[in-house]
Amino acid sequence: MIAEQLLFAFLAACAVTTAVLMVFQRNPVTSAISLIGNFFCLAALYLLLEAQLLAVLEIAVYAGAIMVLVVFVIMLLNVGDEVSLSFRPNLRMIAGGVLMVAFLLELLYLFTMAPGAGSIVVAAMRPSGLGTVESMGHALYSGFLFPLQITGLLLLIAVVGAVILAKRRLS
């Protein structure tokens, strides 16, 4: 149990670190690589929750297909040298910083000083078949079949549009 909690803390820290690196990178390819690292951390967290199918789909769909698409779009756009921006704090940035600190303090309170902190057992509340291939397949192809088909159609339209835009640029 302690090893699982330590592994969770490590993976959560890695996920947060790669997410922050993704946002603050100036180079879009480096940012995309940080996002791939984040996807792998999330897949490992899914494995801790015993959702094997979601972990495999996270890596196959997001880290595989979507990130290849993102890198191709970055290469198609031919992003040049970035323009250095001057940093001038304004009211929105200050308000965002204050809200972020307040949120982090609230999380610190909830995880350390709140009554019953750390005594929540999530696994006891979870049904036994949740996260398996059978339950996910049943959910996708029964209740969510129409949204799944619409998503596939939208992705096909996006790929055809990207190919048309790339061909125009080459001509």
N, C-alpha and C. Protein backbone atom coordinates (compact mmCIF):
# COMPACT_ATOMS: atom_id res chain seq x y z
N MET A 1 0.82 -1.20 0.00
CA MET A 1 0.00 0.00 0.00
C MET A 1 0.87 1.27 0.00
N ILE A 2 1.91 1.27 0.78
CA ILE A 2 2.81 2.43 0.83
C ILE A 2 3.53 2.59 -0.51
N ALA A 3 3.96 1.47 -1.09
CA ALA A 3 4.66 1.54 -2.38
C ALA A 3 3.74 2.08 -3.46
N GLU A 4 2.46 1.71 -3.41
CA GLU A 4 1.51 2.22 -4.40
C GLU A 4 1.29 3.72 -4.23
N GLN A 5 1.24 4.18 -2.99
CA GLN A 5 1.08 5.62 -2.74
C GLN A 5 2.31 6.40 -3.18
N LEU A 6 3.50 5.83 -2.94
CA LEU A 6 4.72 6.49 -3.39
C LEU A 6 4.80 6.53 -4.91
N LEU A 7 4.40 5.44 -5.55
CA LEU A 7 4.38 5.42 -7.01
C LEU A 7 3.38 6.43 -7.57
N PHE A 8 2.22 6.53 -6.92
CA PHE A 8 1.24 7.52 -7.34
C PHE A 8 1.80 8.94 -7.19
N ALA A 9 2.44 9.23 -6.06
CA ALA A 9 3.00 10.56 -5.84
C ALA A 9 4.07 10.87 -6.88
N PHE A 10 4.91 9.89 -7.20
CA PHE A 10 5.95 10.09 -8.21
C PHE A 10 5.35 10.35 -9.58
N LEU A 11 4.37 9.53 -9.97
CA LEU A 11 3.74 9.70 -11.29
C LEU A 11 2.97 11.01 -11.37
N ALA A 12 2.31 11.39 -10.28
CA ALA A 12 1.58 12.67 -10.28
C ALA A 12 2.55 13.83 -10.41
N ALA A 13 3.69 13.76 -9.70
CA ALA A 13 4.69 14.82 -9.81
C ALA A 13 5.27 14.88 -11.23
N CYS A 14 5.50 13.72 -11.82
CA CYS A 14 6.00 13.69 -13.21
C CYS A 14 4.96 14.28 -14.17
N ALA A 15 3.69 13.95 -13.96
CA ALA A 15 2.63 14.47 -14.83
C ALA A 15 2.54 15.99 -14.72
N VAL A 16 2.60 16.51 -13.50
CA VAL A 16 2.54 17.96 -13.32
C VAL A 16 3.76 18.63 -13.92
N THR A 17 4.94 18.02 -13.72
CA THR A 17 6.17 18.60 -14.26
C THR A 17 6.14 18.65 -15.79
N THR A 18 5.73 17.56 -16.42
CA THR A 18 5.70 17.56 -17.89
C THR A 18 4.63 18.51 -18.41
N ALA A 19 3.53 18.68 -17.67
CA ALA A 19 2.50 19.62 -18.10
C ALA A 19 3.01 21.06 -18.02
N VAL A 20 3.73 21.37 -16.94
CA VAL A 20 4.30 22.72 -16.80
C VAL A 20 5.35 22.96 -17.87
N LEU A 21 6.20 21.95 -18.13
CA LEU A 21 7.21 22.09 -19.19
C LEU A 21 6.55 22.31 -20.54
N MET A 22 5.44 21.62 -20.78
CA MET A 22 4.74 21.76 -22.06
C MET A 22 4.26 23.19 -22.25
N VAL A 23 3.74 23.79 -21.21
CA VAL A 23 3.18 25.13 -21.33
C VAL A 23 4.28 26.18 -21.49
N PHE A 24 5.40 26.00 -20.80
CA PHE A 24 6.41 27.06 -20.78
C PHE A 24 7.52 26.89 -21.81
N GLN A 25 7.48 25.87 -22.65
CA GLN A 25 8.49 25.71 -23.69
C GLN A 25 8.25 26.70 -24.82
N ARG A 26 9.32 27.25 -25.34
CA ARG A 26 9.19 28.18 -26.47
C ARG A 26 9.15 27.43 -27.80
N ASN A 27 9.84 26.32 -27.88
CA ASN A 27 9.89 25.54 -29.10
C ASN A 27 8.67 24.61 -29.15
N PRO A 28 7.85 24.68 -30.20
CA PRO A 28 6.64 23.86 -30.23
C PRO A 28 6.92 22.35 -30.30
N VAL A 29 8.04 21.94 -30.90
CA VAL A 29 8.35 20.52 -30.95
C VAL A 29 8.72 20.02 -29.55
N THR A 30 9.49 20.80 -28.80
CA THR A 30 9.83 20.43 -27.43
C THR A 30 8.57 20.39 -26.56
N SER A 31 7.67 21.29 -26.80
CA SER A 31 6.40 21.29 -26.07
C SER A 31 5.60 20.04 -26.39
N ALA A 32 5.60 19.62 -27.64
CA ALA A 32 4.89 18.40 -28.02
C ALA A 32 5.52 17.17 -27.38
N ILE A 33 6.84 17.14 -27.27
CA ILE A 33 7.51 16.01 -26.62
C ILE A 33 7.17 15.98 -25.13
N SER A 34 7.08 17.14 -24.50
CA SER A 34 6.66 17.19 -23.09
C SER A 34 5.24 16.68 -22.94
N LEU A 35 4.39 16.98 -23.89
CA LEU A 35 3.01 16.49 -23.84
C LEU A 35 2.97 14.97 -23.99
N ILE A 36 3.84 14.40 -24.81
CA ILE A 36 3.92 12.95 -24.92
C ILE A 36 4.33 12.34 -23.59
N GLY A 37 5.30 12.95 -22.91
CA GLY A 37 5.69 12.48 -21.59
C GLY A 37 4.54 12.54 -20.61
N ASN A 38 3.72 13.58 -20.72
CA ASN A 38 2.54 13.70 -19.85
C ASN A 38 1.56 12.57 -20.13
N PHE A 39 1.37 12.23 -21.40
CA PHE A 39 0.46 11.13 -21.74
C PHE A 39 0.94 9.81 -21.15
N PHE A 40 2.25 9.56 -21.16
CA PHE A 40 2.76 8.34 -20.58
C PHE A 40 2.56 8.31 -19.06
N CYS A 41 2.74 9.46 -18.40
CA CYS A 41 2.49 9.51 -16.96
C CYS A 41 1.02 9.24 -16.65
N LEU A 42 0.12 9.80 -17.45
CA LEU A 42 -1.30 9.56 -17.24
C LEU A 42 -1.65 8.10 -17.50
N ALA A 43 -1.02 7.48 -18.49
CA ALA A 43 -1.27 6.07 -18.75
C ALA A 43 -0.82 5.21 -17.56
N ALA A 44 0.30 5.55 -16.96
CA ALA A 44 0.75 4.81 -15.77
C ALA A 44 -0.21 5.02 -14.61
N LEU A 45 -0.76 6.21 -14.48
CA LEU A 45 -1.77 6.44 -13.44
C LEU A 45 -3.03 5.62 -13.69
N TYR A 46 -3.41 5.47 -14.96
CA TYR A 46 -4.54 4.61 -15.29
C TYR A 46 -4.25 3.16 -14.89
N LEU A 47 -3.01 2.73 -15.07
CA LEU A 47 -2.66 1.38 -14.67
C LEU A 47 -2.78 1.20 -13.16
N LEU A 48 -2.44 2.24 -12.40
CA LEU A 48 -2.62 2.16 -10.94
C LEU A 48 -4.09 2.03 -10.56
N LEU A 49 -4.96 2.57 -11.39
CA LEU A 49 -6.40 2.47 -11.13
C LEU A 49 -6.99 1.18 -11.69
N GLU A 50 -6.13 0.31 -12.23
CA GLU A 50 -6.53 -0.95 -12.83
C GLU A 50 -7.44 -0.78 -14.04
N ALA A 51 -7.21 0.29 -14.79
CA ALA A 51 -7.94 0.54 -16.03
C ALA A 51 -6.97 0.30 -17.19
N GLN A 52 -6.72 -0.97 -17.48
CA GLN A 52 -5.71 -1.33 -18.45
C GLN A 52 -6.05 -0.84 -19.85
N LEU A 53 -7.30 -0.93 -20.23
CA LEU A 53 -7.69 -0.50 -21.57
C LEU A 53 -7.47 1.00 -21.75
N LEU A 54 -7.84 1.78 -20.74
CA LEU A 54 -7.62 3.22 -20.85
C LEU A 54 -6.14 3.56 -20.95
N ALA A 55 -5.30 2.82 -20.24
CA ALA A 55 -3.86 3.06 -20.31
C ALA A 55 -3.33 2.77 -21.71
N VAL A 56 -3.75 1.67 -22.29
CA VAL A 56 -3.29 1.32 -23.64
C VAL A 56 -3.83 2.31 -24.66
N LEU A 57 -5.10 2.69 -24.51
CA LEU A 57 -5.67 3.67 -25.44
C LEU A 57 -5.01 5.04 -25.30
N GLU A 58 -4.65 5.41 -24.08
CA GLU A 58 -3.95 6.68 -23.86
C GLU A 58 -2.65 6.72 -24.66
N ILE A 59 -1.91 5.63 -24.62
CA ILE A 59 -0.63 5.60 -25.33
C ILE A 59 -0.86 5.47 -26.84
N ALA A 60 -1.75 4.58 -27.24
CA ALA A 60 -1.94 4.33 -28.67
C ALA A 60 -2.59 5.51 -29.37
N VAL A 61 -3.64 6.05 -28.78
CA VAL A 61 -4.38 7.11 -29.45
C VAL A 61 -3.72 8.47 -29.26
N TYR A 62 -3.46 8.84 -28.01
CA TYR A 62 -2.93 10.18 -27.78
C TYR A 62 -1.45 10.28 -28.08
N ALA A 63 -0.64 9.46 -27.43
CA ALA A 63 0.81 9.56 -27.64
C ALA A 63 1.19 9.12 -29.04
N GLY A 64 0.43 8.21 -29.62
CA GLY A 64 0.75 7.74 -30.95
C GLY A 64 0.17 8.61 -32.03
N ALA A 65 -1.13 8.52 -32.21
CA ALA A 65 -1.77 9.15 -33.36
C ALA A 65 -1.87 10.67 -33.24
N ILE A 66 -2.38 11.15 -32.14
CA ILE A 66 -2.64 12.60 -32.03
C ILE A 66 -1.34 13.39 -31.99
N MET A 67 -0.34 12.88 -31.28
CA MET A 67 0.91 13.64 -31.21
C MET A 67 1.66 13.60 -32.54
N VAL A 68 1.55 12.54 -33.29
CA VAL A 68 2.13 12.53 -34.64
C VAL A 68 1.44 13.59 -35.48
N LEU A 69 0.13 13.69 -35.36
CA LEU A 69 -0.62 14.72 -36.08
C LEU A 69 -0.17 16.11 -35.66
N VAL A 70 0.02 16.33 -34.37
CA VAL A 70 0.45 17.65 -33.88
C VAL A 70 1.83 17.99 -34.43
N VAL A 71 2.75 17.03 -34.41
CA VAL A 71 4.10 17.29 -34.93
C VAL A 71 4.05 17.56 -36.43
N PHE A 72 3.22 16.84 -37.18
CA PHE A 72 3.08 17.12 -38.61
C PHE A 72 2.51 18.51 -38.85
N VAL A 73 1.55 18.93 -38.05
CA VAL A 73 0.99 20.28 -38.20
C VAL A 73 2.06 21.32 -37.90
N ILE A 74 2.86 21.09 -36.88
CA ILE A 74 3.94 22.02 -36.57
C ILE A 74 4.91 22.10 -37.74
N MET A 75 5.21 20.95 -38.34
CA MET A 75 6.13 20.95 -39.48
C MET A 75 5.49 21.59 -40.71
N LEU A 76 4.17 21.41 -40.89
CA LEU A 76 3.49 22.04 -42.03
C LEU A 76 3.45 23.56 -41.90
N LEU A 77 3.27 24.02 -40.67
CA LEU A 77 3.21 25.47 -40.46
C LEU A 77 4.56 26.14 -40.62
N ASN A 78 5.62 25.34 -40.54
CA ASN A 78 6.97 25.85 -40.71
C ASN A 78 7.22 27.03 -39.76
N VAL A 79 7.07 26.75 -38.48
CA VAL A 79 7.23 27.79 -37.47
C VAL A 79 8.66 28.26 -37.46
N GLY A 80 8.85 29.57 -37.61
CA GLY A 80 10.18 30.14 -37.63
C GLY A 80 10.64 30.52 -36.24
N ASP A 81 11.56 31.47 -36.19
CA ASP A 81 12.06 31.93 -34.90
C ASP A 81 10.94 32.64 -34.15
N GLU A 82 10.89 32.35 -32.86
CA GLU A 82 9.86 32.98 -32.07
C GLU A 82 10.25 34.41 -31.72
N VAL A 83 9.25 35.23 -31.60
CA VAL A 83 9.47 36.63 -31.26
C VAL A 83 9.46 36.72 -29.74
N SER A 84 10.48 37.35 -29.19
CA SER A 84 10.54 37.45 -27.74
C SER A 84 9.56 38.52 -27.28
N LEU A 85 8.76 38.15 -26.33
CA LEU A 85 7.74 39.05 -25.81
C LEU A 85 8.24 39.71 -24.53
N SER A 86 7.87 40.95 -24.34
CA SER A 86 8.25 41.60 -23.09
C SER A 86 7.22 41.23 -22.03
N PHE A 87 7.69 41.03 -20.83
CA PHE A 87 6.83 40.60 -19.74
C PHE A 87 6.42 41.82 -18.93
N ARG A 88 5.13 42.13 -18.98
CA ARG A 88 4.57 43.21 -18.18
C ARG A 88 3.37 42.66 -17.42
N PRO A 89 3.50 42.52 -16.10
CA PRO A 89 2.35 42.00 -15.35
C PRO A 89 1.18 42.99 -15.38
N ASN A 90 0.00 42.46 -15.61
CA ASN A 90 -1.19 43.30 -15.58
C ASN A 90 -2.15 42.74 -14.53
N LEU A 91 -3.32 43.33 -14.44
CA LEU A 91 -4.27 42.96 -13.40
C LEU A 91 -4.72 41.50 -13.53
N ARG A 92 -4.92 41.03 -14.75
CA ARG A 92 -5.36 39.64 -14.94
C ARG A 92 -4.29 38.65 -14.49
N MET A 93 -3.03 38.94 -14.78
CA MET A 93 -1.95 38.05 -14.36
C MET A 93 -1.82 38.02 -12.84
N ILE A 94 -1.96 39.15 -12.21
CA ILE A 94 -1.88 39.21 -10.75
C ILE A 94 -3.05 38.46 -10.13
N ALA A 95 -4.25 38.65 -10.68
CA ALA A 95 -5.43 37.95 -10.16
C ALA A 95 -5.28 36.44 -10.37
N GLY A 96 -4.75 36.03 -11.52
CA GLY A 96 -4.52 34.61 -11.77
C GLY A 96 -3.51 34.03 -10.80
N GLY A 97 -2.45 34.76 -10.51
CA GLY A 97 -1.45 34.29 -9.55
C GLY A 97 -2.03 34.15 -8.15
N VAL A 98 -2.84 35.13 -7.74
CA VAL A 98 -3.47 35.06 -6.42
C VAL A 98 -4.42 33.87 -6.35
N LEU A 99 -5.21 33.64 -7.40
CA LEU A 99 -6.12 32.50 -7.42
C LEU A 99 -5.36 31.17 -7.41
N MET A 100 -4.23 31.12 -8.11
CA MET A 100 -3.43 29.90 -8.12
C MET A 100 -2.88 29.60 -6.73
N VAL A 101 -2.37 30.61 -6.05
CA VAL A 101 -1.85 30.41 -4.70
C VAL A 101 -2.97 30.00 -3.75
N ALA A 102 -4.14 30.61 -3.88
CA ALA A 102 -5.28 30.24 -3.03
C ALA A 102 -5.69 28.80 -3.28
N PHE A 103 -5.71 28.39 -4.54
CA PHE A 103 -6.06 27.01 -4.88
C PHE A 103 -5.05 26.02 -4.31
N LEU A 104 -3.76 26.34 -4.42
CA LEU A 104 -2.73 25.45 -3.88
C LEU A 104 -2.81 25.37 -2.36
N LEU A 105 -3.11 26.48 -1.69
CA LEU A 105 -3.28 26.45 -0.24
C LEU A 105 -4.49 25.62 0.16
N GLU A 106 -5.56 25.71 -0.62
CA GLU A 106 -6.74 24.90 -0.35
C GLU A 106 -6.43 23.42 -0.51
N LEU A 107 -5.70 23.06 -1.56
CA LEU A 107 -5.30 21.67 -1.74
C LEU A 107 -4.40 21.19 -0.60
N LEU A 108 -3.49 22.04 -0.18
CA LEU A 108 -2.62 21.69 0.93
C LEU A 108 -3.44 21.44 2.19
N TYR A 109 -4.42 22.28 2.45
CA TYR A 109 -5.30 22.08 3.60
C TYR A 109 -6.08 20.77 3.49
N LEU A 110 -6.65 20.52 2.31
CA LEU A 110 -7.45 19.31 2.13
C LEU A 110 -6.63 18.04 2.32
N PHE A 111 -5.38 18.05 1.86
CA PHE A 111 -4.57 16.84 1.92
C PHE A 111 -3.86 16.64 3.25
N THR A 112 -3.70 17.70 4.02
CA THR A 112 -2.94 17.54 5.26
C THR A 112 -3.77 17.75 6.52
N MET A 113 -4.56 18.80 6.60
CA MET A 113 -5.20 19.16 7.86
C MET A 113 -6.68 18.85 7.94
N ALA A 114 -7.29 18.48 6.85
CA ALA A 114 -8.74 18.21 6.88
C ALA A 114 -9.00 16.94 7.66
N PRO A 115 -10.12 16.89 8.40
CA PRO A 115 -10.43 15.65 9.14
C PRO A 115 -10.68 14.50 8.17
N GLY A 116 -10.06 13.38 8.45
CA GLY A 116 -10.20 12.20 7.60
C GLY A 116 -9.35 12.25 6.36
N ALA A 117 -8.34 13.12 6.33
CA ALA A 117 -7.49 13.22 5.14
C ALA A 117 -6.70 11.93 4.95
N GLY A 118 -6.70 11.43 3.79
CA GLY A 118 -5.95 10.22 3.47
C GLY A 118 -6.68 8.94 3.82
N SER A 119 -7.90 9.03 4.35
CA SER A 119 -8.59 7.81 4.74
C SER A 119 -9.63 7.38 3.72
N ILE A 120 -9.67 8.02 2.58
CA ILE A 120 -10.63 7.67 1.55
C ILE A 120 -10.13 6.46 0.79
N VAL A 121 -10.95 5.46 0.69
CA VAL A 121 -10.58 4.26 -0.05
C VAL A 121 -11.43 4.23 -1.31
N VAL A 122 -10.82 4.56 -2.43
CA VAL A 122 -11.55 4.66 -3.68
C VAL A 122 -11.83 3.27 -4.25
N ALA A 123 -10.90 2.35 -4.06
CA ALA A 123 -11.05 1.02 -4.66
C ALA A 123 -12.27 0.29 -4.11
N ALA A 124 -12.66 0.58 -2.89
CA ALA A 124 -13.82 -0.11 -2.31
C ALA A 124 -15.12 0.37 -2.95
N MET A 125 -15.13 1.58 -3.48
CA MET A 125 -16.35 2.12 -4.07
C MET A 125 -16.50 1.75 -5.54
N ARG A 126 -15.45 1.23 -6.15
CA ARG A 126 -15.44 0.97 -7.59
C ARG A 126 -15.98 -0.41 -7.89
N PRO A 127 -16.85 -0.52 -8.90
CA PRO A 127 -17.31 -1.85 -9.30
C PRO A 127 -16.16 -2.69 -9.83
N SER A 128 -16.31 -4.00 -9.80
CA SER A 128 -15.19 -4.88 -10.11
C SER A 128 -14.80 -4.87 -11.59
N GLY A 129 -15.73 -4.66 -12.51
CA GLY A 129 -15.41 -4.76 -13.93
C GLY A 129 -15.07 -3.44 -14.58
N LEU A 130 -15.01 -2.37 -13.81
CA LEU A 130 -14.78 -1.05 -14.38
C LEU A 130 -13.37 -0.94 -14.94
N GLY A 131 -13.23 -0.44 -16.15
CA GLY A 131 -11.93 -0.24 -16.76
C GLY A 131 -11.44 -1.41 -17.59
N THR A 132 -12.18 -2.48 -17.63
CA THR A 132 -11.75 -3.62 -18.43
C THR A 132 -12.14 -3.40 -19.90
N VAL A 133 -11.58 -4.22 -20.75
CA VAL A 133 -11.86 -4.12 -22.18
C VAL A 133 -13.35 -4.36 -22.44
N GLU A 134 -13.91 -5.33 -21.75
CA GLU A 134 -15.31 -5.68 -21.97
C GLU A 134 -16.24 -4.54 -21.57
N SER A 135 -16.01 -3.94 -20.41
CA SER A 135 -16.90 -2.86 -19.96
C SER A 135 -16.76 -1.61 -20.83
N MET A 136 -15.52 -1.30 -21.25
CA MET A 136 -15.32 -0.14 -22.10
C MET A 136 -15.91 -0.36 -23.50
N GLY A 137 -15.75 -1.57 -24.04
CA GLY A 137 -16.34 -1.88 -25.34
C GLY A 137 -17.85 -1.82 -25.29
N HIS A 138 -18.41 -2.35 -24.23
CA HIS A 138 -19.88 -2.31 -24.07
C HIS A 138 -20.37 -0.86 -24.00
N ALA A 139 -19.66 -0.02 -23.24
CA ALA A 139 -20.07 1.39 -23.12
C ALA A 139 -19.93 2.12 -24.45
N LEU A 140 -18.81 1.89 -25.15
CA LEU A 140 -18.58 2.62 -26.41
C LEU A 140 -19.55 2.21 -27.50
N TYR A 141 -19.82 0.91 -27.61
CA TYR A 141 -20.62 0.45 -28.73
C TYR A 141 -22.08 0.24 -28.40
N SER A 142 -22.52 0.66 -27.23
CA SER A 142 -23.95 0.63 -26.95
C SER A 142 -24.46 2.04 -26.70
N GLY A 143 -24.09 2.64 -25.60
CA GLY A 143 -24.61 3.96 -25.27
C GLY A 143 -23.95 5.11 -25.99
N PHE A 144 -22.70 4.92 -26.41
CA PHE A 144 -21.95 6.03 -27.01
C PHE A 144 -21.57 5.76 -28.46
N LEU A 145 -22.35 4.96 -29.15
CA LEU A 145 -22.03 4.62 -30.53
C LEU A 145 -22.14 5.84 -31.45
N PHE A 146 -23.20 6.61 -31.31
CA PHE A 146 -23.38 7.79 -32.18
C PHE A 146 -22.28 8.83 -31.96
N PRO A 147 -21.96 9.22 -30.69
CA PRO A 147 -20.85 10.17 -30.52
C PRO A 147 -19.52 9.62 -31.03
N LEU A 148 -19.30 8.31 -30.92
CA LEU A 148 -18.08 7.71 -31.42
C LEU A 148 -17.99 7.85 -32.94
N GLN A 149 -19.09 7.60 -33.63
CA GLN A 149 -19.12 7.72 -35.09
C GLN A 149 -18.95 9.18 -35.53
N ILE A 150 -19.57 10.10 -34.83
CA ILE A 150 -19.44 11.53 -35.15
C ILE A 150 -18.00 11.99 -34.95
N THR A 151 -17.35 11.52 -33.88
CA THR A 151 -15.96 11.88 -33.63
C THR A 151 -15.06 11.36 -34.75
N GLY A 152 -15.29 10.14 -35.19
CA GLY A 152 -14.51 9.59 -36.30
C GLY A 152 -14.70 10.39 -37.58
N LEU A 153 -15.94 10.80 -37.85
CA LEU A 153 -16.23 11.60 -39.03
C LEU A 153 -15.54 12.97 -38.95
N LEU A 154 -15.57 13.59 -37.77
CA LEU A 154 -14.90 14.89 -37.61
C LEU A 154 -13.39 14.77 -37.79
N LEU A 155 -12.80 13.70 -37.28
CA LEU A 155 -11.36 13.49 -37.48
C LEU A 155 -11.02 13.27 -38.95
N LEU A 156 -11.87 12.55 -39.66
CA LEU A 156 -11.65 12.35 -41.10
C LEU A 156 -11.73 13.67 -41.84
N ILE A 157 -12.71 14.50 -41.52
CA ILE A 157 -12.84 15.82 -42.15
C ILE A 157 -11.62 16.68 -41.86
N ALA A 158 -11.11 16.62 -40.63
CA ALA A 158 -9.92 17.41 -40.27
C ALA A 158 -8.70 16.96 -41.04
N VAL A 159 -8.52 15.67 -41.22
CA VAL A 159 -7.37 15.16 -41.96
C VAL A 159 -7.46 15.56 -43.43
N VAL A 160 -8.66 15.44 -44.03
CA VAL A 160 -8.84 15.84 -45.43
C VAL A 160 -8.58 17.34 -45.58
N GLY A 161 -9.05 18.14 -44.64
CA GLY A 161 -8.80 19.58 -44.69
C GLY A 161 -7.33 19.91 -44.57
N ALA A 162 -6.60 19.21 -43.71
CA ALA A 162 -5.16 19.45 -43.56
C ALA A 162 -4.41 19.09 -44.83
N VAL A 163 -4.82 17.99 -45.48
CA VAL A 163 -4.16 17.60 -46.74
C VAL A 163 -4.44 18.64 -47.82
N ILE A 164 -5.67 19.13 -47.90
CA ILE A 164 -6.00 20.15 -48.91
C ILE A 164 -5.21 21.42 -48.67
N LEU A 165 -5.12 21.86 -47.40
CA LEU A 165 -4.35 23.07 -47.10
C LEU A 165 -2.87 22.88 -47.39
N ALA A 166 -2.34 21.70 -47.10
CA ALA A 166 -0.93 21.45 -47.38
C ALA A 166 -0.65 21.43 -48.88
N LYS A 167 -1.57 20.87 -49.67
CA LYS A 167 -1.40 20.83 -51.13
C LYS A 167 -1.45 22.24 -51.72
N ARG A 168 -2.34 23.09 -51.19
CA ARG A 168 -2.42 24.47 -51.69
C ARG A 168 -1.11 25.22 -51.44
N ARG A 169 -0.53 24.99 -50.28
CA ARG A 169 0.69 25.70 -49.93
C ARG A 169 1.84 25.26 -50.81
N LEU A 170 1.87 24.00 -51.21
CA LEU A 170 2.94 23.51 -52.07
C LEU A 170 2.81 23.99 -53.50
N SER A 171 1.60 24.27 -53.95
CA SER A 171 1.38 24.68 -55.34
C SER A 171 1.85 26.07 -55.62
